[in-house]
Amino acid sequence: MQLAIELPDRTNALIESYSRKMGIEKNSFIEDALLRHLQALRELPTEFIIPTKITVTEDCMKQIIEMLENPPEPTQALIELMR
């Protein structure tokens, strides 16, 4: 099977750099990366898989900005965790 995808220049440059450092062709590098990702999806609980992109609504973004500008007081659990 053949896949035709367009990658951002930065991503393509990273793939070229790492495949060159590892001494393997880009196709092999990409296939290996996909196989490792698929293995992780198969073996790890879904809550441990962190998406590479997160889309938030405008309302959610406003809440995030509000919390960054006016952070809430830390909870007791957070205080204990940080000790």
PDB file of N, CA and C in Angstrom:
ATOM      1  N   MET A   1       0.842  -1.177   0.000  1.00  0.00           N
ATOM      2  CA  MET A   1       0.000   0.000   0.000  1.00  0.00           C
ATOM      3  C   MET A   1       0.886   1.238   0.000  1.00  0.00           C
ATOM      4  N   GLN A   2       0.426   2.253  -0.659  1.00  0.00           N
ATOM      5  CA  GLN A   2       1.178   3.491  -0.716  1.00  0.00           C
ATOM      6  C   GLN A   2       0.319   4.613  -0.159  1.00  0.00           C
ATOM      7  N   LEU A   3       0.921   5.475   0.637  1.00  0.00           N
ATOM      8  CA  LEU A   3       0.235   6.627   1.200  1.00  0.00           C
ATOM      9  C   LEU A   3       0.840   7.894   0.619  1.00  0.00           C
ATOM     10  N   ALA A   4      -0.012   8.814   0.250  1.00  0.00           N
ATOM     11  CA  ALA A   4       0.455  10.116  -0.219  1.00  0.00           C
ATOM     12  C   ALA A   4      -0.042  11.151   0.782  1.00  0.00           C
ATOM     13  N   ILE A   5       0.885  11.774   1.493  1.00  0.00           N
ATOM     14  CA  ILE A   5       0.497  12.774   2.487  1.00  0.00           C
ATOM     15  C   ILE A   5       1.362  14.019   2.317  1.00  0.00           C
ATOM     16  N   GLU A   6       0.782  15.139   2.680  1.00  0.00           N
ATOM     17  CA  GLU A   6       1.542  16.381   2.700  1.00  0.00           C
ATOM     18  C   GLU A   6       1.862  16.698   4.147  1.00  0.00           C
ATOM     19  N   LEU A   7       3.116  16.958   4.412  1.00  0.00           N
ATOM     20  CA  LEU A   7       3.563  17.287   5.758  1.00  0.00           C
ATOM     21  C   LEU A   7       4.051  18.722   5.798  1.00  0.00           C
ATOM     22  N   PRO A   8       3.877  19.376   6.933  1.00  0.00           N
ATOM     23  CA  PRO A   8       4.462  20.715   7.064  1.00  0.00           C
ATOM     24  C   PRO A   8       5.988  20.634   6.888  1.00  0.00           C
ATOM     25  N   ASP A   9       6.570  21.700   6.399  1.00  0.00           N
ATOM     26  CA  ASP A   9       8.019  21.721   6.161  1.00  0.00           C
ATOM     27  C   ASP A   9       8.801  21.338   7.409  1.00  0.00           C
ATOM     28  N   ARG A  10       8.363  21.847   8.576  1.00  0.00           N
ATOM     29  CA  ARG A  10       9.085  21.557   9.826  1.00  0.00           C
ATOM     30  C   ARG A  10       9.068  20.058  10.133  1.00  0.00           C
ATOM     31  N   THR A  11       7.902  19.409   9.947  1.00  0.00           N
ATOM     32  CA  THR A  11       7.796  17.974  10.206  1.00  0.00           C
ATOM     33  C   THR A  11       8.667  17.193   9.232  1.00  0.00           C
ATOM     34  N   ASN A  12       8.621  17.565   7.977  1.00  0.00           N
ATOM     35  CA  ASN A  12       9.437  16.891   6.977  1.00  0.00           C
ATOM     36  C   ASN A  12      10.922  17.037   7.286  1.00  0.00           C
ATOM     37  N   ALA A  13      11.318  18.222   7.726  1.00  0.00           N
ATOM     38  CA  ALA A  13      12.731  18.450   8.061  1.00  0.00           C
ATOM     39  C   ALA A  13      13.149  17.573   9.242  1.00  0.00           C
ATOM     40  N   LEU A  14      12.265  17.439  10.234  1.00  0.00           N
ATOM     41  CA  LEU A  14      12.581  16.581  11.380  1.00  0.00           C
ATOM     42  C   LEU A  14      12.735  15.120  10.953  1.00  0.00           C
ATOM     43  N   ILE A  15      11.822  14.653  10.103  1.00  0.00           N
ATOM     44  CA  ILE A  15      11.903  13.269   9.623  1.00  0.00           C
ATOM     45  C   ILE A  15      13.200  13.053   8.856  1.00  0.00           C
ATOM     46  N   GLU A  16      13.537  13.979   7.988  1.00  0.00           N
ATOM     47  CA  GLU A  16      14.778  13.856   7.219  1.00  0.00           C
ATOM     48  C   GLU A  16      15.995  13.851   8.137  1.00  0.00           C
ATOM     49  N   SER A  17      15.994  14.734   9.125  1.00  0.00           N
ATOM     50  CA  SER A  17      17.129  14.827  10.047  1.00  0.00           C
ATOM     51  C   SER A  17      17.321  13.535  10.842  1.00  0.00           C
ATOM     52  N   TYR A  18      16.229  13.045  11.435  1.00  0.00           N
ATOM     53  CA  TYR A  18      16.346  11.842  12.266  1.00  0.00           C
ATOM     54  C   TYR A  18      16.616  10.599  11.428  1.00  0.00           C
ATOM     55  N   SER A  19      16.015  10.488  10.275  1.00  0.00           N
ATOM     56  CA  SER A  19      16.276   9.302   9.450  1.00  0.00           C
ATOM     57  C   SER A  19      17.732   9.296   8.988  1.00  0.00           C
ATOM     58  N   ARG A  20      18.263  10.480   8.685  1.00  0.00           N
ATOM     59  CA  ARG A  20      19.674  10.584   8.292  1.00  0.00           C
ATOM     60  C   ARG A  20      20.582  10.191   9.455  1.00  0.00           C
ATOM     61  N   LYS A  21      20.280  10.702  10.665  1.00  0.00           N
ATOM     62  CA  LYS A  21      21.088  10.363  11.840  1.00  0.00           C
ATOM     63  C   LYS A  21      21.066   8.874  12.137  1.00  0.00           C
ATOM     64  N   MET A  22      19.910   8.233  11.892  1.00  0.00           N
ATOM     65  CA  MET A  22      19.770   6.808  12.174  1.00  0.00           C
ATOM     66  C   MET A  22      20.271   5.944  11.025  1.00  0.00           C
ATOM     67  N   GLY A  23      20.558   6.586   9.894  1.00  0.00           N
ATOM     68  CA  GLY A  23      21.082   5.849   8.740  1.00  0.00           C
ATOM     69  C   GLY A  23      20.034   4.982   8.058  1.00  0.00           C
ATOM     70  N   ILE A  24      18.770   5.405   8.095  1.00  0.00           N
ATOM     71  CA  ILE A  24      17.716   4.654   7.428  1.00  0.00           C
ATOM     72  C   ILE A  24      16.946   5.579   6.488  1.00  0.00           C
ATOM     73  N   GLU A  25      16.259   4.976   5.536  1.00  0.00           N
ATOM     74  CA  GLU A  25      15.477   5.769   4.591  1.00  0.00           C
ATOM     75  C   GLU A  25      14.249   6.345   5.288  1.00  0.00           C
ATOM     76  N   LYS A  26      13.755   7.454   4.747  1.00  0.00           N
ATOM     77  CA  LYS A  26      12.580   8.110   5.333  1.00  0.00           C
ATOM     78  C   LYS A  26      11.389   7.166   5.404  1.00  0.00           C
ATOM     79  N   ASN A  27      11.174   6.366   4.363  1.00  0.00           N
ATOM     80  CA  ASN A  27      10.041   5.439   4.365  1.00  0.00           C
ATOM     81  C   ASN A  27      10.125   4.473   5.549  1.00  0.00           C
ATOM     82  N   SER A  28      11.311   3.950   5.799  1.00  0.00           N
ATOM     83  CA  SER A  28      11.501   3.020   6.915  1.00  0.00           C
ATOM     84  C   SER A  28      11.287   3.727   8.244  1.00  0.00           C
ATOM     85  N   PHE A  29      11.781   4.955   8.329  1.00  0.00           N
ATOM     86  CA  PHE A  29      11.614   5.747   9.552  1.00  0.00           C
ATOM     87  C   PHE A  29      10.129   5.967   9.843  1.00  0.00           C
ATOM     88  N   ILE A  30       9.371   6.356   8.820  1.00  0.00           N
ATOM     89  CA  ILE A  30       7.946   6.627   8.987  1.00  0.00           C
ATOM     90  C   ILE A  30       7.189   5.344   9.322  1.00  0.00           C
ATOM     91  N   GLU A  31       7.505   4.255   8.646  1.00  0.00           N
ATOM     92  CA  GLU A  31       6.835   2.983   8.938  1.00  0.00           C
ATOM     93  C   GLU A  31       7.099   2.550  10.375  1.00  0.00           C
ATOM     94  N   ASP A  32       8.345   2.669  10.817  1.00  0.00           N
ATOM     95  CA  ASP A  32       8.695   2.298  12.188  1.00  0.00           C
ATOM     96  C   ASP A  32       7.932   3.161  13.197  1.00  0.00           C
ATOM     97  N   ALA A  33       7.853   4.461  12.920  1.00  0.00           N
ATOM     98  CA  ALA A  33       7.129   5.359  13.821  1.00  0.00           C
ATOM     99  C   ALA A  33       5.651   4.985  13.893  1.00  0.00           C
ATOM    100  N   LEU A  34       5.051   4.681  12.752  1.00  0.00           N
ATOM    101  CA  LEU A  34       3.641   4.279  12.729  1.00  0.00           C
ATOM    102  C   LEU A  34       3.425   2.973  13.483  1.00  0.00           C
ATOM    103  N   LEU A  35       4.317   2.020  13.279  1.00  0.00           N
ATOM    104  CA  LEU A  35       4.186   0.740  13.985  1.00  0.00           C
ATOM    105  C   LEU A  35       4.309   0.916  15.498  1.00  0.00           C
ATOM    106  N   ARG A  36       5.230   1.766  15.937  1.00  0.00           N
ATOM    107  CA  ARG A  36       5.372   2.022  17.378  1.00  0.00           C
ATOM    108  C   ARG A  36       4.127   2.707  17.936  1.00  0.00           C
ATOM    109  N   HIS A  37       3.580   3.638  17.187  1.00  0.00           N
ATOM    110  CA  HIS A  37       2.374   4.333  17.628  1.00  0.00           C
ATOM    111  C   HIS A  37       1.200   3.356  17.719  1.00  0.00           C
ATOM    112  N   LEU A  38       1.041   2.522  16.691  1.00  0.00           N
ATOM    113  CA  LEU A  38      -0.043   1.538  16.699  1.00  0.00           C
ATOM    114  C   LEU A  38       0.114   0.551  17.850  1.00  0.00           C
ATOM    115  N   GLN A  39       1.346   0.169  18.151  1.00  0.00           N
ATOM    116  CA  GLN A  39       1.598  -0.729  19.281  1.00  0.00           C
ATOM    117  C   GLN A  39       1.194  -0.054  20.585  1.00  0.00           C
ATOM    118  N   ALA A  40       1.529   1.210  20.739  1.00  0.00           N
ATOM    119  CA  ALA A  40       1.144   1.942  21.952  1.00  0.00           C
ATOM    120  C   ALA A  40      -0.371   2.021  22.069  1.00  0.00           C
ATOM    121  N   LEU A  41      -1.055   2.299  20.964  1.00  0.00           N
ATOM    122  CA  LEU A  41      -2.512   2.355  20.986  1.00  0.00           C
ATOM    123  C   LEU A  41      -3.113   1.015  21.393  1.00  0.00           C
ATOM    124  N   ARG A  42      -2.478  -0.049  20.971  1.00  0.00           N
ATOM    125  CA  ARG A  42      -2.957  -1.397  21.277  1.00  0.00           C
ATOM    126  C   ARG A  42      -2.695  -1.773  22.740  1.00  0.00           C
ATOM    127  N   GLU A  43      -1.573  -1.361  23.289  1.00  0.00           N
ATOM    128  CA  GLU A  43      -1.140  -1.855  24.594  1.00  0.00           C
ATOM    129  C   GLU A  43      -1.436  -0.929  25.768  1.00  0.00           C
ATOM    130  N   LEU A  44      -1.558   0.364  25.524  1.00  0.00           N
ATOM    131  CA  LEU A  44      -1.757   1.306  26.624  1.00  0.00           C
ATOM    132  C   LEU A  44      -3.227   1.657  26.783  1.00  0.00           C
ATOM    133  N   PRO A  45      -3.639   1.901  28.030  1.00  0.00           N
ATOM    134  CA  PRO A  45      -5.013   2.394  28.228  1.00  0.00           C
ATOM    135  C   PRO A  45      -5.186   3.731  27.503  1.00  0.00           C
ATOM    136  N   THR A  46      -6.349   3.964  26.955  1.00  0.00           N
ATOM    137  CA  THR A  46      -6.574   5.159  26.139  1.00  0.00           C
ATOM    138  C   THR A  46      -6.327   6.452  26.904  1.00  0.00           C
ATOM    139  N   GLU A  47      -6.532   6.457  28.224  1.00  0.00           N
ATOM    140  CA  GLU A  47      -6.317   7.702  28.972  1.00  0.00           C
ATOM    141  C   GLU A  47      -4.839   8.097  29.047  1.00  0.00           C
ATOM    142  N   PHE A  48      -3.931   7.187  28.675  1.00  0.00           N
ATOM    143  CA  PHE A  48      -2.509   7.515  28.677  1.00  0.00           C
ATOM    144  C   PHE A  48      -2.013   7.980  27.308  1.00  0.00           C
ATOM    145  N   ILE A  49      -2.875   7.927  26.305  1.00  0.00           N
ATOM    146  CA  ILE A  49      -2.512   8.389  24.969  1.00  0.00           C
ATOM    147  C   ILE A  49      -2.859   9.873  24.882  1.00  0.00           C
ATOM    148  N   ILE A  50      -1.851  10.700  24.747  1.00  0.00           N
ATOM    149  CA  ILE A  50      -2.040  12.145  24.696  1.00  0.00           C
ATOM    150  C   ILE A  50      -2.117  12.580  23.236  1.00  0.00           C
ATOM    151  N   PRO A  51      -3.229  13.193  22.848  1.00  0.00           N
ATOM    152  CA  PRO A  51      -3.339  13.616  21.450  1.00  0.00           C
ATOM    153  C   PRO A  51      -2.314  14.691  21.111  1.00  0.00           C
ATOM    154  N   THR A  52      -1.862  14.699  19.867  1.00  0.00           N
ATOM    155  CA  THR A  52      -0.870  15.699  19.451  1.00  0.00           C
ATOM    156  C   THR A  52      -1.498  17.062  19.230  1.00  0.00           C
ATOM    157  N   LYS A  53      -2.814  17.078  19.005  1.00  0.00           N
ATOM    158  CA  LYS A  53      -3.528  18.339  18.825  1.00  0.00           C
ATOM    159  C   LYS A  53      -4.805  18.284  19.650  1.00  0.00           C
ATOM    160  N   ILE A  54      -5.122  19.395  20.267  1.00  0.00           N
ATOM    161  CA  ILE A  54      -6.352  19.505  21.038  1.00  0.00           C
ATOM    162  C   ILE A  54      -7.135  20.693  20.496  1.00  0.00           C
ATOM    163  N   THR A  55      -8.383  20.460  20.162  1.00  0.00           N
ATOM    164  CA  THR A  55      -9.239  21.532  19.668  1.00  0.00           C
ATOM    165  C   THR A  55     -10.177  21.950  20.780  1.00  0.00           C
ATOM    166  N   VAL A  56     -10.231  23.241  21.049  1.00  0.00           N
ATOM    167  CA  VAL A  56     -11.127  23.751  22.088  1.00  0.00           C
ATOM    168  C   VAL A  56     -12.085  24.764  21.478  1.00  0.00           C
ATOM    169  N   THR A  57     -13.241  24.870  22.099  1.00  0.00           N
ATOM    170  CA  THR A  57     -14.219  25.846  21.631  1.00  0.00           C
ATOM    171  C   THR A  57     -13.782  27.241  22.064  1.00  0.00           C
ATOM    172  N   GLU A  58     -14.426  28.240  21.510  1.00  0.00           N
ATOM    173  CA  GLU A  58     -14.120  29.623  21.892  1.00  0.00           C
ATOM    174  C   GLU A  58     -14.419  29.848  23.377  1.00  0.00           C
ATOM    175  N   ASP A  59     -15.533  29.293  23.864  1.00  0.00           N
ATOM    176  CA  ASP A  59     -15.873  29.431  25.286  1.00  0.00           C
ATOM    177  C   ASP A  59     -14.831  28.766  26.180  1.00  0.00           C
ATOM    178  N   CYS A  60     -14.382  27.600  25.763  1.00  0.00           N
ATOM    179  CA  CYS A  60     -13.353  26.887  26.530  1.00  0.00           C
ATOM    180  C   CYS A  60     -12.057  27.702  26.554  1.00  0.00           C
ATOM    181  N   MET A  61     -11.700  28.301  25.427  1.00  0.00           N
ATOM    182  CA  MET A  61     -10.479  29.111  25.373  1.00  0.00           C
ATOM    183  C   MET A  61     -10.581  30.309  26.307  1.00  0.00           C
ATOM    184  N   LYS A  62     -11.750  30.909  26.367  1.00  0.00           N
ATOM    185  CA  LYS A  62     -11.959  32.024  27.295  1.00  0.00           C
ATOM    186  C   LYS A  62     -11.763  31.570  28.732  1.00  0.00           C
ATOM    187  N   GLN A  63     -12.248  30.379  29.075  1.00  0.00           N
ATOM    188  CA  GLN A  63     -12.063  29.844  30.422  1.00  0.00           C
ATOM    189  C   GLN A  63     -10.589  29.594  30.719  1.00  0.00           C
ATOM    190  N   ILE A  64      -9.874  29.077  29.742  1.00  0.00           N
ATOM    191  CA  ILE A  64      -8.440  28.819  29.924  1.00  0.00           C
ATOM    192  C   ILE A  64      -7.703  30.129  30.181  1.00  0.00           C
ATOM    193  N   ILE A  65      -7.996  31.144  29.380  1.00  0.00           N
ATOM    194  CA  ILE A  65      -7.349  32.446  29.550  1.00  0.00           C
ATOM    195  C   ILE A  65      -7.668  33.027  30.921  1.00  0.00           C
ATOM    196  N   GLU A  66      -8.928  32.920  31.325  1.00  0.00           N
ATOM    197  CA  GLU A  66      -9.344  33.423  32.637  1.00  0.00           C
ATOM    198  C   GLU A  66      -8.577  32.726  33.758  1.00  0.00           C
ATOM    199  N   MET A  67      -8.426  31.417  33.656  1.00  0.00           N
ATOM    200  CA  MET A  67      -7.703  30.669  34.697  1.00  0.00           C
ATOM    201  C   MET A  67      -6.212  31.009  34.696  1.00  0.00           C
ATOM    202  N   LEU A  68      -5.652  31.276  33.516  1.00  0.00           N
ATOM    203  CA  LEU A  68      -4.241  31.654  33.456  1.00  0.00           C
ATOM    204  C   LEU A  68      -4.017  33.044  34.052  1.00  0.00           C
ATOM    205  N   GLU A  69      -4.954  33.946  33.770  1.00  0.00           N
ATOM    206  CA  GLU A  69      -4.822  35.306  34.283  1.00  0.00           C
ATOM    207  C   GLU A  69      -5.190  35.409  35.763  1.00  0.00           C
ATOM    208  N   ASN A  70      -6.083  34.557  36.227  1.00  0.00           N
ATOM    209  CA  ASN A  70      -6.535  34.560  37.620  1.00  0.00           C
ATOM    210  C   ASN A  70      -6.551  33.126  38.144  1.00  0.00           C
ATOM    211  N   PRO A  71      -5.364  32.566  38.383  1.00  0.00           N
ATOM    212  CA  PRO A  71      -5.321  31.166  38.796  1.00  0.00           C
ATOM    213  C   PRO A  71      -6.012  30.948  40.148  1.00  0.00           C
ATOM    214  N   PRO A  72      -6.718  29.809  40.269  1.00  0.00           N
ATOM    215  CA  PRO A  72      -7.364  29.509  41.548  1.00  0.00           C
ATOM    216  C   PRO A  72      -6.318  29.148  42.603  1.00  0.00           C
ATOM    217  N   GLU A  73      -6.722  29.239  43.858  1.00  0.00           N
ATOM    218  CA  GLU A  73      -5.835  28.825  44.952  1.00  0.00           C
ATOM    219  C   GLU A  73      -5.593  27.321  44.838  1.00  0.00           C
ATOM    220  N   PRO A  74      -4.403  26.859  45.181  1.00  0.00           N
ATOM    221  CA  PRO A  74      -4.135  25.418  45.097  1.00  0.00           C
ATOM    222  C   PRO A  74      -4.968  24.648  46.119  1.00  0.00           C
ATOM    223  N   THR A  75      -5.399  23.473  45.728  1.00  0.00           N
ATOM    224  CA  THR A  75      -6.140  22.609  46.642  1.00  0.00           C
ATOM    225  C   THR A  75      -5.165  21.956  47.614  1.00  0.00           C
ATOM    226  N   GLN A  76      -5.695  21.423  48.676  1.00  0.00           N
ATOM    227  CA  GLN A  76      -4.848  20.729  49.659  1.00  0.00           C
ATOM    228  C   GLN A  76      -4.158  19.533  48.999  1.00  0.00           C
ATOM    229  N   ALA A  77      -4.877  18.835  48.137  1.00  0.00           N
ATOM    230  CA  ALA A  77      -4.291  17.684  47.457  1.00  0.00           C
ATOM    231  C   ALA A  77      -3.098  18.110  46.597  1.00  0.00           C
ATOM    232  N   LEU A  78      -3.207  19.246  45.908  1.00  0.00           N
ATOM    233  CA  LEU A  78      -2.103  19.731  45.090  1.00  0.00           C
ATOM    234  C   LEU A  78      -0.913  20.126  45.957  1.00  0.00           C
ATOM    235  N   ILE A  79      -1.182  20.778  47.075  1.00  0.00           N
ATOM    236  CA  ILE A  79      -0.112  21.183  48.002  1.00  0.00           C
ATOM    237  C   ILE A  79       0.641  19.949  48.488  1.00  0.00           C
ATOM    238  N   GLU A  80      -0.095  18.918  48.860  1.00  0.00           N
ATOM    239  CA  GLU A  80       0.533  17.675  49.345  1.00  0.00           C
ATOM    240  C   GLU A  80       1.308  16.980  48.237  1.00  0.00           C
ATOM    241  N   LEU A  81       0.753  16.983  47.039  1.00  0.00           N
ATOM    242  CA  LEU A  81       1.436  16.368  45.915  1.00  0.00           C
ATOM    243  C   LEU A  81       2.767  17.041  45.632  1.00  0.00           C
ATOM    244  N   MET A  82       2.793  18.370  45.724  1.00  0.00           N
ATOM    245  CA  MET A  82       4.007  19.113  45.408  1.00  0.00           C
ATOM    246  C   MET A  82       5.076  18.996  46.502  1.00  0.00           C
ATOM    247  N   ARG A  83       4.694  18.571  47.681  1.00  0.00           N
ATOM    248  CA  ARG A  83       5.689  18.355  48.749  1.00  0.00           C
ATOM    249  C   ARG A  83       6.462  17.123  48.421  1.00  0.00           C
TER     250      ARG A  83
END
